[in-house]
mmCIF file of all heavy atoms, coordinates in Angstrom:
data_MODEL
# 
_entry.id   MODEL 
# 
loop_
_atom_site.group_PDB 
_atom_site.id 
_atom_site.type_symbol 
_atom_site.label_atom_id 
_atom_site.label_alt_id 
_atom_site.label_comp_id 
_atom_site.label_asym_id 
_atom_site.label_entity_id 
_atom_site.label_seq_id 
_atom_site.pdbx_PDB_ins_code 
_atom_site.Cartn_x 
_atom_site.Cartn_y 
_atom_site.Cartn_z 
_atom_site.occupancy 
_atom_site.B_iso_or_equiv 
_atom_site.pdbx_formal_charge 
_atom_site.auth_seq_id 
_atom_site.auth_comp_id 
_atom_site.auth_asym_id 
_atom_site.auth_atom_id 
_atom_site.pdbx_PDB_model_num 
ATOM 1   N N   . ALA A 1 1  ? -95.938 -49.489 -86.765 1.00 0.00 ? 1  ALA A N   1 
ATOM 2   C CA  . ALA A 1 1  ? -95.748 -50.592 -85.806 1.00 0.00 ? 1  ALA A CA  1 
ATOM 3   C C   . ALA A 1 1  ? -94.688 -50.200 -84.768 1.00 0.00 ? 1  ALA A C   1 
ATOM 4   O O   . ALA A 1 1  ? -94.838 -50.488 -83.568 1.00 0.00 ? 1  ALA A O   1 
ATOM 5   C CB  . ALA A 1 1  ? -95.324 -51.858 -86.542 1.00 0.00 ? 1  ALA A CB  1 
ATOM 6   N N   . LEU A 1 2  ? -93.644 -49.517 -85.214 1.00 0.00 ? 2  LEU A N   1 
ATOM 7   C CA  . LEU A 1 2  ? -92.596 -49.058 -84.289 1.00 0.00 ? 2  LEU A CA  1 
ATOM 8   C C   . LEU A 1 2  ? -93.156 -48.007 -83.335 1.00 0.00 ? 2  LEU A C   1 
ATOM 9   O O   . LEU A 1 2  ? -92.855 -48.022 -82.133 1.00 0.00 ? 2  LEU A O   1 
ATOM 10  C CB  . LEU A 1 2  ? -91.418 -48.487 -85.082 1.00 0.00 ? 2  LEU A CB  1 
ATOM 11  C CG  . LEU A 1 2  ? -90.252 -47.930 -84.246 1.00 0.00 ? 2  LEU A CG  1 
ATOM 12  C CD1 . LEU A 1 2  ? -89.659 -49.017 -83.345 1.00 0.00 ? 2  LEU A CD1 1 
ATOM 13  C CD2 . LEU A 1 2  ? -89.187 -47.331 -85.148 1.00 0.00 ? 2  LEU A CD2 1 
ATOM 14  N N   . PHE A 1 3  ? -93.989 -47.134 -83.877 1.00 0.00 ? 3  PHE A N   1 
ATOM 15  C CA  . PHE A 1 3  ? -94.624 -46.109 -83.038 1.00 0.00 ? 3  PHE A CA  1 
ATOM 16  C C   . PHE A 1 3  ? -95.444 -46.754 -81.928 1.00 0.00 ? 3  PHE A C   1 
ATOM 17  O O   . PHE A 1 3  ? -95.340 -46.381 -80.753 1.00 0.00 ? 3  PHE A O   1 
ATOM 18  C CB  . PHE A 1 3  ? -95.516 -45.207 -83.905 1.00 0.00 ? 3  PHE A CB  1 
ATOM 19  C CG  . PHE A 1 3  ? -96.321 -44.213 -83.115 1.00 0.00 ? 3  PHE A CG  1 
ATOM 20  C CD1 . PHE A 1 3  ? -95.785 -42.978 -82.765 1.00 0.00 ? 3  PHE A CD1 1 
ATOM 21  C CD2 . PHE A 1 3  ? -97.617 -44.514 -82.694 1.00 0.00 ? 3  PHE A CD2 1 
ATOM 22  C CE1 . PHE A 1 3  ? -96.516 -42.056 -82.032 1.00 0.00 ? 3  PHE A CE1 1 
ATOM 23  C CE2 . PHE A 1 3  ? -98.359 -43.602 -81.956 1.00 0.00 ? 3  PHE A CE2 1 
ATOM 24  C CZ  . PHE A 1 3  ? -97.803 -42.372 -81.629 1.00 0.00 ? 3  PHE A CZ  1 
ATOM 25  N N   . ASN A 1 4  ? -96.276 -47.732 -82.288 1.00 0.00 ? 4  ASN A N   1 
ATOM 26  C CA  . ASN A 1 4  ? -97.140 -48.403 -81.304 1.00 0.00 ? 4  ASN A CA  1 
ATOM 27  C C   . ASN A 1 4  ? -96.318 -49.123 -80.239 1.00 0.00 ? 4  ASN A C   1 
ATOM 28  O O   . ASN A 1 4  ? -96.679 -49.126 -79.058 1.00 0.00 ? 4  ASN A O   1 
ATOM 29  C CB  . ASN A 1 4  ? -98.067 -49.392 -82.013 1.00 0.00 ? 4  ASN A CB  1 
ATOM 30  C CG  . ASN A 1 4  ? -99.142 -48.689 -82.831 1.00 0.00 ? 4  ASN A CG  1 
ATOM 31  O OD1 . ASN A 1 4  ? -99.594 -47.595 -82.470 1.00 0.00 ? 4  ASN A OD1 1 
ATOM 32  N ND2 . ASN A 1 4  ? -99.546 -49.293 -83.951 1.00 0.00 ? 4  ASN A ND2 1 
ATOM 33  N N   . LEU A 1 5  ? -95.212 -49.736 -80.668 1.00 0.00 ? 5  LEU A N   1 
ATOM 34  C CA  . LEU A 1 5  ? -94.357 -50.460 -79.723 1.00 0.00 ? 5  LEU A CA  1 
ATOM 35  C C   . LEU A 1 5  ? -93.697 -49.481 -78.737 1.00 0.00 ? 5  LEU A C   1 
ATOM 36  O O   . LEU A 1 5  ? -93.716 -49.712 -77.526 1.00 0.00 ? 5  LEU A O   1 
ATOM 37  C CB  . LEU A 1 5  ? -93.278 -51.240 -80.482 1.00 0.00 ? 5  LEU A CB  1 
ATOM 38  C CG  . LEU A 1 5  ? -92.284 -52.030 -79.613 1.00 0.00 ? 5  LEU A CG  1 
ATOM 39  C CD1 . LEU A 1 5  ? -93.014 -53.104 -78.793 1.00 0.00 ? 5  LEU A CD1 1 
ATOM 40  C CD2 . LEU A 1 5  ? -91.209 -52.686 -80.485 1.00 0.00 ? 5  LEU A CD2 1 
ATOM 41  N N   . LEU A 1 6  ? -93.131 -48.393 -79.249 1.00 0.00 ? 6  LEU A N   1 
ATOM 42  C CA  . LEU A 1 6  ? -92.469 -47.407 -78.395 1.00 0.00 ? 6  LEU A CA  1 
ATOM 43  C C   . LEU A 1 6  ? -93.463 -46.725 -77.459 1.00 0.00 ? 6  LEU A C   1 
ATOM 44  O O   . LEU A 1 6  ? -93.138 -46.400 -76.319 1.00 0.00 ? 6  LEU A O   1 
ATOM 45  C CB  . LEU A 1 6  ? -91.747 -46.358 -79.253 1.00 0.00 ? 6  LEU A CB  1 
ATOM 46  C CG  . LEU A 1 6  ? -90.521 -46.850 -80.018 1.00 0.00 ? 6  LEU A CG  1 
ATOM 47  C CD1 . LEU A 1 6  ? -89.991 -45.751 -80.936 1.00 0.00 ? 6  LEU A CD1 1 
ATOM 48  C CD2 . LEU A 1 6  ? -89.419 -47.293 -79.063 1.00 0.00 ? 6  LEU A CD2 1 
ATOM 49  N N   . ASP A 1 7  ? -94.667 -46.522 -77.947 1.00 0.00 ? 7  ASP A N   1 
ATOM 50  C CA  . ASP A 1 7  ? -95.704 -45.878 -77.135 1.00 0.00 ? 7  ASP A CA  1 
ATOM 51  C C   . ASP A 1 7  ? -96.041 -46.709 -75.898 1.00 0.00 ? 7  ASP A C   1 
ATOM 52  O O   . ASP A 1 7  ? -96.366 -46.179 -74.829 1.00 0.00 ? 7  ASP A O   1 
ATOM 53  C CB  . ASP A 1 7  ? -96.949 -45.643 -77.997 1.00 0.00 ? 7  ASP A CB  1 
ATOM 54  C CG  . ASP A 1 7  ? -98.029 -44.851 -77.278 1.00 0.00 ? 7  ASP A CG  1 
ATOM 55  O OD1 . ASP A 1 7  ? -97.672 -43.993 -76.439 1.00 0.00 ? 7  ASP A OD1 1 
ATOM 56  O OD2 . ASP A 1 7  ? -99.218 -45.087 -77.548 1.00 0.00 ? 7  ASP A OD2 1 
ATOM 57  N N   . LYS A 1 8  ? -95.966 -48.042 -76.041 1.00 0.00 ? 8  LYS A N   1 
ATOM 58  C CA  . LYS A 1 8  ? -96.311 -48.939 -74.921 1.00 0.00 ? 8  LYS A CA  1 
ATOM 59  C C   . LYS A 1 8  ? -95.157 -49.100 -73.930 1.00 0.00 ? 8  LYS A C   1 
ATOM 60  O O   . LYS A 1 8  ? -95.362 -49.504 -72.792 1.00 0.00 ? 8  LYS A O   1 
ATOM 61  C CB  . LYS A 1 8  ? -96.702 -50.317 -75.468 1.00 0.00 ? 8  LYS A CB  1 
ATOM 62  C CG  . LYS A 1 8  ? -98.027 -50.302 -76.233 1.00 0.00 ? 8  LYS A CG  1 
ATOM 63  C CD  . LYS A 1 8  ? -98.299 -51.662 -76.870 1.00 0.00 ? 8  LYS A CD  1 
ATOM 64  C CE  . LYS A 1 8  ? -99.572 -51.627 -77.707 1.00 0.00 ? 8  LYS A CE  1 
ATOM 65  N NZ  . LYS A 1 8  ? -99.782 -52.911 -78.421 1.00 0.00 ? 8  LYS A NZ  1 
ATOM 66  N N   . MET A 1 9  ? -93.929 -48.796 -74.353 1.00 0.00 ? 9  MET A N   1 
ATOM 67  C CA  . MET A 1 9  ? -92.760 -48.975 -73.486 1.00 0.00 ? 9  MET A CA  1 
ATOM 68  C C   . MET A 1 9  ? -92.708 -47.917 -72.378 1.00 0.00 ? 9  MET A C   1 
ATOM 69  O O   . MET A 1 9  ? -93.059 -46.773 -72.597 1.00 0.00 ? 9  MET A O   1 
ATOM 70  C CB  . MET A 1 9  ? -91.466 -48.854 -74.310 1.00 0.00 ? 9  MET A CB  1 
ATOM 71  C CG  . MET A 1 9  ? -91.135 -50.054 -75.154 1.00 0.00 ? 9  MET A CG  1 
ATOM 72  S SD  . MET A 1 9  ? -89.505 -49.805 -75.944 1.00 0.00 ? 9  MET A SD  1 
ATOM 73  C CE  . MET A 1 9  ? -89.377 -51.303 -76.901 1.00 0.00 ? 9  MET A CE  1 
ATOM 74  N N   . ASN A 1 10 ? -92.262 -48.348 -71.209 1.00 0.00 ? 10 ASN A N   1 
ATOM 75  C CA  . ASN A 1 10 ? -92.002 -47.394 -70.121 1.00 0.00 ? 10 ASN A CA  1 
ATOM 76  C C   . ASN A 1 10 ? -90.577 -46.855 -70.205 1.00 0.00 ? 10 ASN A C   1 
ATOM 77  O O   . ASN A 1 10 ? -90.315 -45.706 -69.842 1.00 0.00 ? 10 ASN A O   1 
ATOM 78  C CB  . ASN A 1 10 ? -92.222 -48.060 -68.765 1.00 0.00 ? 10 ASN A CB  1 
ATOM 79  C CG  . ASN A 1 10 ? -93.679 -48.397 -68.529 1.00 0.00 ? 10 ASN A CG  1 
ATOM 80  O OD1 . ASN A 1 10 ? -94.567 -47.615 -68.882 1.00 0.00 ? 10 ASN A OD1 1 
ATOM 81  N ND2 . ASN A 1 10 ? -93.945 -49.563 -67.971 1.00 0.00 ? 10 ASN A ND2 1 
ATOM 82  N N   . ASP A 1 11 ? -89.653 -47.691 -70.678 1.00 0.00 ? 11 ASP A N   1 
ATOM 83  C CA  . ASP A 1 11 ? -88.259 -47.303 -70.883 1.00 0.00 ? 11 ASP A CA  1 
ATOM 84  C C   . ASP A 1 11 ? -87.829 -47.783 -72.256 1.00 0.00 ? 11 ASP A C   1 
ATOM 85  O O   . ASP A 1 11 ? -88.297 -48.818 -72.734 1.00 0.00 ? 11 ASP A O   1 
ATOM 86  C CB  . ASP A 1 11 ? -87.347 -47.932 -69.817 1.00 0.00 ? 11 ASP A CB  1 
ATOM 87  C CG  . ASP A 1 11 ? -87.708 -47.471 -68.423 1.00 0.00 ? 11 ASP A CG  1 
ATOM 88  O OD1 . ASP A 1 11 ? -87.603 -46.262 -68.162 1.00 0.00 ? 11 ASP A OD1 1 
ATOM 89  O OD2 . ASP A 1 11 ? -88.113 -48.318 -67.601 1.00 0.00 ? 11 ASP A OD2 1 
ATOM 90  N N   . TYR A 1 12 ? -86.936 -47.005 -72.860 1.00 0.00 ? 12 TYR A N   1 
ATOM 91  C CA  . TYR A 1 12 ? -86.465 -47.380 -74.190 1.00 0.00 ? 12 TYR A CA  1 
ATOM 92  C C   . TYR A 1 12 ? -85.540 -48.597 -74.107 1.00 0.00 ? 12 TYR A C   1 
ATOM 93  O O   . TYR A 1 12 ? -84.533 -48.563 -73.400 1.00 0.00 ? 12 TYR A O   1 
ATOM 94  C CB  . TYR A 1 12 ? -85.724 -46.214 -74.845 1.00 0.00 ? 12 TYR A CB  1 
ATOM 95  C CG  . TYR A 1 12 ? -85.238 -46.538 -76.240 1.00 0.00 ? 12 TYR A CG  1 
ATOM 96  C CD1 . TYR A 1 12 ? -86.091 -46.432 -77.330 1.00 0.00 ? 12 TYR A CD1 1 
ATOM 97  C CD2 . TYR A 1 12 ? -83.937 -46.990 -76.456 1.00 0.00 ? 12 TYR A CD2 1 
ATOM 98  C CE1 . TYR A 1 12 ? -85.653 -46.747 -78.607 1.00 0.00 ? 12 TYR A CE1 1 
ATOM 99  C CE2 . TYR A 1 12 ? -83.489 -47.313 -77.728 1.00 0.00 ? 12 TYR A CE2 1 
ATOM 100 C CZ  . TYR A 1 12 ? -84.353 -47.187 -78.806 1.00 0.00 ? 12 TYR A CZ  1 
ATOM 101 O OH  . TYR A 1 12 ? -83.936 -47.508 -80.068 1.00 0.00 ? 12 TYR A OH  1 
ATOM 102 N N   . LYS A 1 13 ? -85.903 -49.676 -74.828 1.00 0.00 ? 13 LYS A N   1 
ATOM 103 C CA  . LYS A 1 13 ? -85.088 -50.886 -74.853 1.00 0.00 ? 13 LYS A CA  1 
ATOM 104 C C   . LYS A 1 13 ? -84.972 -51.357 -76.295 1.00 0.00 ? 13 LYS A C   1 
ATOM 105 O O   . LYS A 1 13 ? -85.922 -51.897 -76.866 1.00 0.00 ? 13 LYS A O   1 
ATOM 106 C CB  . LYS A 1 13 ? -85.711 -51.981 -73.978 1.00 0.00 ? 13 LYS A CB  1 
ATOM 107 C CG  . LYS A 1 13 ? -85.711 -51.642 -72.486 1.00 0.00 ? 13 LYS A CG  1 
ATOM 108 C CD  . LYS A 1 13 ? -86.382 -52.722 -71.674 1.00 0.00 ? 13 LYS A CD  1 
ATOM 109 C CE  . LYS A 1 13 ? -86.409 -52.340 -70.187 1.00 0.00 ? 13 LYS A CE  1 
ATOM 110 N NZ  . LYS A 1 13 ? -87.152 -53.341 -69.382 1.00 0.00 ? 13 LYS A NZ  1 
ATOM 111 N N   . GLU A 1 14 ? -83.784 -51.154 -76.855 1.00 0.00 ? 14 GLU A N   1 
ATOM 112 C CA  . GLU A 1 14 ? -83.556 -51.526 -78.256 1.00 0.00 ? 14 GLU A CA  1 
ATOM 113 C C   . GLU A 1 14 ? -83.701 -53.032 -78.460 1.00 0.00 ? 14 GLU A C   1 
ATOM 114 O O   . GLU A 1 14 ? -84.169 -53.491 -79.507 1.00 0.00 ? 14 GLU A O   1 
ATOM 115 C CB  . GLU A 1 14 ? -82.158 -51.068 -78.678 1.00 0.00 ? 14 GLU A CB  1 
ATOM 116 C CG  . GLU A 1 14 ? -81.943 -51.116 -80.176 1.00 0.00 ? 14 GLU A CG  1 
ATOM 117 C CD  . GLU A 1 14 ? -80.666 -50.426 -80.579 1.00 0.00 ? 14 GLU A CD  1 
ATOM 118 O OE1 . GLU A 1 14 ? -80.607 -49.181 -80.480 1.00 0.00 ? 14 GLU A OE1 1 
ATOM 119 O OE2 . GLU A 1 14 ? -79.718 -51.134 -80.991 1.00 0.00 ? 14 GLU A OE2 1 
ATOM 120 N N   . SER A 1 15 ? -83.357 -53.797 -77.441 1.00 0.00 ? 15 SER A N   1 
ATOM 121 C CA  . SER A 1 15 ? -83.445 -55.264 -77.553 1.00 0.00 ? 15 SER A CA  1 
ATOM 122 C C   . SER A 1 15 ? -84.883 -55.716 -77.790 1.00 0.00 ? 15 SER A C   1 
ATOM 123 O O   . SER A 1 15 ? -85.134 -56.649 -78.557 1.00 0.00 ? 15 SER A O   1 
ATOM 124 C CB  . SER A 1 15 ? -82.897 -55.925 -76.286 1.00 0.00 ? 15 SER A CB  1 
ATOM 125 O OG  . SER A 1 15 ? -83.600 -55.466 -75.139 1.00 0.00 ? 15 SER A OG  1 
ATOM 126 N N   . GLU A 1 16 ? -85.840 -55.030 -77.160 1.00 0.00 ? 16 GLU A N   1 
ATOM 127 C CA  . GLU A 1 16 ? -87.260 -55.377 -77.338 1.00 0.00 ? 16 GLU A CA  1 
ATOM 128 C C   . GLU A 1 16 ? -87.727 -55.062 -78.754 1.00 0.00 ? 16 GLU A C   1 
ATOM 129 O O   . GLU A 1 16 ? -88.552 -55.785 -79.325 1.00 0.00 ? 16 GLU A O   1 
ATOM 130 C CB  . GLU A 1 16 ? -88.126 -54.621 -76.321 1.00 0.00 ? 16 GLU A CB  1 
ATOM 131 C CG  . GLU A 1 16 ? -88.077 -55.205 -74.923 1.00 0.00 ? 16 GLU A CG  1 
ATOM 132 C CD  . GLU A 1 16 ? -89.140 -54.600 -74.004 1.00 0.00 ? 16 GLU A CD  1 
ATOM 133 O OE1 . GLU A 1 16 ? -90.170 -54.131 -74.516 1.00 0.00 ? 16 GLU A OE1 1 
ATOM 134 O OE2 . GLU A 1 16 ? -88.914 -54.602 -72.785 1.00 0.00 ? 16 GLU A OE2 1 
ATOM 135 N N   . ILE A 1 17 ? -87.218 -53.961 -79.320 1.00 0.00 ? 17 ILE A N   1 
ATOM 136 C CA  . ILE A 1 17 ? -87.592 -53.594 -80.695 1.00 0.00 ? 17 ILE A CA  1 
ATOM 137 C C   . ILE A 1 17 ? -87.113 -54.668 -81.664 1.00 0.00 ? 17 ILE A C   1 
ATOM 138 O O   . ILE A 1 17 ? -87.865 -55.132 -82.528 1.00 0.00 ? 17 ILE A O   1 
ATOM 139 C CB  . ILE A 1 17 ? -86.981 -52.224 -81.073 1.00 0.00 ? 17 ILE A CB  1 
ATOM 140 C CG1 . ILE A 1 17 ? -87.521 -51.124 -80.161 1.00 0.00 ? 17 ILE A CG1 1 
ATOM 141 C CG2 . ILE A 1 17 ? -87.278 -51.891 -82.536 1.00 0.00 ? 17 ILE A CG2 1 
ATOM 142 C CD1 . ILE A 1 17 ? -86.848 -49.782 -80.332 1.00 0.00 ? 17 ILE A CD1 1 
ATOM 143 N N   . LEU A 1 18 ? -85.865 -55.080 -81.507 1.00 0.00 ? 18 LEU A N   1 
ATOM 144 C CA  . LEU A 1 18 ? -85.291 -56.096 -82.399 1.00 0.00 ? 18 LEU A CA  1 
ATOM 145 C C   . LEU A 1 18 ? -85.974 -57.445 -82.205 1.00 0.00 ? 18 LEU A C   1 
ATOM 146 O O   . LEU A 1 18 ? -86.201 -58.198 -83.163 1.00 0.00 ? 18 LEU A O   1 
ATOM 147 C CB  . LEU A 1 18 ? -83.790 -56.209 -82.151 1.00 0.00 ? 18 LEU A CB  1 
ATOM 148 C CG  . LEU A 1 18 ? -82.974 -54.929 -82.429 1.00 0.00 ? 18 LEU A CG  1 
ATOM 149 C CD1 . LEU A 1 18 ? -81.522 -55.125 -82.025 1.00 0.00 ? 18 LEU A CD1 1 
ATOM 150 C CD2 . LEU A 1 18 ? -83.085 -54.536 -83.893 1.00 0.00 ? 18 LEU A CD2 1 
ATOM 151 N N   . LYS A 1 19 ? -86.327 -57.742 -80.960 1.00 0.00 ? 19 LYS A N   1 
ATOM 152 C CA  . LYS A 1 19 ? -86.996 -59.012 -80.650 1.00 0.00 ? 19 LYS A CA  1 
ATOM 153 C C   . LYS A 1 19 ? -88.394 -59.070 -81.269 1.00 0.00 ? 19 LYS A C   1 
ATOM 154 O O   . LYS A 1 19 ? -88.892 -60.139 -81.614 1.00 0.00 ? 19 LYS A O   1 
ATOM 155 C CB  . LYS A 1 19 ? -87.102 -59.160 -79.132 1.00 0.00 ? 19 LYS A CB  1 
ATOM 156 C CG  . LYS A 1 19 ? -87.583 -60.525 -78.663 1.00 0.00 ? 19 LYS A CG  1 
ATOM 157 C CD  . LYS A 1 19 ? -87.595 -60.578 -77.141 1.00 0.00 ? 19 LYS A CD  1 
ATOM 158 C CE  . LYS A 1 19 ? -88.129 -61.921 -76.644 1.00 0.00 ? 19 LYS A CE  1 
ATOM 159 N NZ  . LYS A 1 19 ? -88.174 -61.984 -75.163 1.00 0.00 ? 19 LYS A NZ  1 
ATOM 160 N N   . SER A 1 20 ? -89.029 -57.883 -81.436 1.00 0.00 ? 20 SER A N   1 
ATOM 161 C CA  . SER A 1 20 ? -90.402 -57.840 -81.984 1.00 0.00 ? 20 SER A CA  1 
ATOM 162 C C   . SER A 1 20 ? -90.462 -58.239 -83.447 1.00 0.00 ? 20 SER A C   1 
ATOM 163 O O   . SER A 1 20 ? -91.521 -58.618 -83.955 1.00 0.00 ? 20 SER A O   1 
ATOM 164 C CB  . SER A 1 20 ? -90.966 -56.426 -81.842 1.00 0.00 ? 20 SER A CB  1 
ATOM 165 O OG  . SER A 1 20 ? -90.300 -55.535 -82.729 1.00 0.00 ? 20 SER A OG  1 
ATOM 166 N N   . GLY A 1 21 ? -89.321 -58.164 -84.153 1.00 0.00 ? 21 GLY A N   1 
ATOM 167 C CA  . GLY A 1 21 ? -89.300 -58.540 -85.565 1.00 0.00 ? 21 GLY A CA  1 
ATOM 168 C C   . GLY A 1 21 ? -89.780 -57.456 -86.507 1.00 0.00 ? 21 GLY A C   1 
ATOM 169 O O   . GLY A 1 21 ? -89.904 -57.686 -87.717 1.00 0.00 ? 21 GLY A O   1 
ATOM 170 N N   . ILE A 1 22 ? -90.063 -56.282 -85.989 1.00 0.00 ? 22 ILE A N   1 
ATOM 171 C CA  . ILE A 1 22 ? -90.537 -55.178 -86.831 1.00 0.00 ? 22 ILE A CA  1 
ATOM 172 C C   . ILE A 1 22 ? -89.470 -54.767 -87.830 1.00 0.00 ? 22 ILE A C   1 
ATOM 173 O O   . ILE A 1 22 ? -89.749 -54.479 -88.997 1.00 0.00 ? 22 ILE A O   1 
ATOM 174 C CB  . ILE A 1 22 ? -90.934 -53.959 -85.964 1.00 0.00 ? 22 ILE A CB  1 
ATOM 175 C CG1 . ILE A 1 22 ? -92.160 -54.293 -85.111 1.00 0.00 ? 22 ILE A CG1 1 
ATOM 176 C CG2 . ILE A 1 22 ? -91.216 -52.743 -86.835 1.00 0.00 ? 22 ILE A CG2 1 
ATOM 177 C CD1 . ILE A 1 22 ? -92.497 -53.225 -84.084 1.00 0.00 ? 22 ILE A CD1 1 
ATOM 178 N N   . VAL A 1 23 ? -88.228 -54.746 -87.373 1.00 0.00 ? 23 VAL A N   1 
ATOM 179 C CA  . VAL A 1 23 ? -87.140 -54.226 -88.201 1.00 0.00 ? 23 VAL A CA  1 
ATOM 180 C C   . VAL A 1 23 ? -85.826 -54.906 -87.820 1.00 0.00 ? 23 VAL A C   1 
ATOM 181 O O   . VAL A 1 23 ? -85.649 -55.332 -86.672 1.00 0.00 ? 23 VAL A O   1 
ATOM 182 C CB  . VAL A 1 23 ? -87.020 -52.685 -88.010 1.00 0.00 ? 23 VAL A CB  1 
ATOM 183 C CG1 . VAL A 1 23 ? -86.684 -52.339 -86.569 1.00 0.00 ? 23 VAL A CG1 1 
ATOM 184 C CG2 . VAL A 1 23 ? -86.022 -52.079 -88.971 1.00 0.00 ? 23 VAL A CG2 1 
ATOM 185 N N   . LYS A 1 24 ? -84.932 -55.012 -88.795 1.00 0.00 ? 24 LYS A N   1 
ATOM 186 C CA  . LYS A 1 24 ? -83.604 -55.555 -88.527 1.00 0.00 ? 24 LYS A CA  1 
ATOM 187 C C   . LYS A 1 24 ? -82.710 -54.455 -87.960 1.00 0.00 ? 24 LYS A C   1 
ATOM 188 O O   . LYS A 1 24 ? -82.948 -53.277 -88.188 1.00 0.00 ? 24 LYS A O   1 
ATOM 189 C CB  . LYS A 1 24 ? -82.994 -56.115 -89.811 1.00 0.00 ? 24 LYS A CB  1 
ATOM 190 C CG  . LYS A 1 24 ? -83.743 -57.327 -90.349 1.00 0.00 ? 24 LYS A CG  1 
ATOM 191 C CD  . LYS A 1 24 ? -83.121 -57.819 -91.636 1.00 0.00 ? 24 LYS A CD  1 
ATOM 192 C CE  . LYS A 1 24 ? -83.900 -59.016 -92.192 1.00 0.00 ? 24 LYS A CE  1 
ATOM 193 N NZ  . LYS A 1 24 ? -83.321 -59.482 -93.473 1.00 0.00 ? 24 LYS A NZ  1 
ATOM 194 N N   . LYS A 1 25 ? -81.675 -54.867 -87.264 1.00 0.00 ? 25 LYS A N   1 
ATOM 195 C CA  . LYS A 1 25 ? -80.797 -53.927 -86.585 1.00 0.00 ? 25 LYS A CA  1 
ATOM 196 C C   . LYS A 1 25 ? -80.214 -52.886 -87.537 1.00 0.00 ? 25 LYS A C   1 
ATOM 197 O O   . LYS A 1 25 ? -80.176 -51.693 -87.221 1.00 0.00 ? 25 LYS A O   1 
ATOM 198 C CB  . LYS A 1 25 ? -79.662 -54.684 -85.878 1.00 0.00 ? 25 LYS A CB  1 
ATOM 199 C CG  . LYS A 1 25 ? -78.776 -53.782 -85.019 1.00 0.00 ? 25 LYS A CG  1 
ATOM 200 C CD  . LYS A 1 25 ? -77.749 -54.585 -84.245 1.00 0.00 ? 25 LYS A CD  1 
ATOM 201 C CE  . LYS A 1 25 ? -76.857 -53.696 -83.404 1.00 0.00 ? 25 LYS A CE  1 
ATOM 202 N NZ  . LYS A 1 25 ? -77.570 -52.986 -82.340 1.00 0.00 ? 25 LYS A NZ  1 
# 
């Protein structure tokens, strides 16, 4: 799930990863 999310991003944004609920900080 993290791979798919990062693949769609144009720029790395840690806030978007945390907001997605995939993983805790």
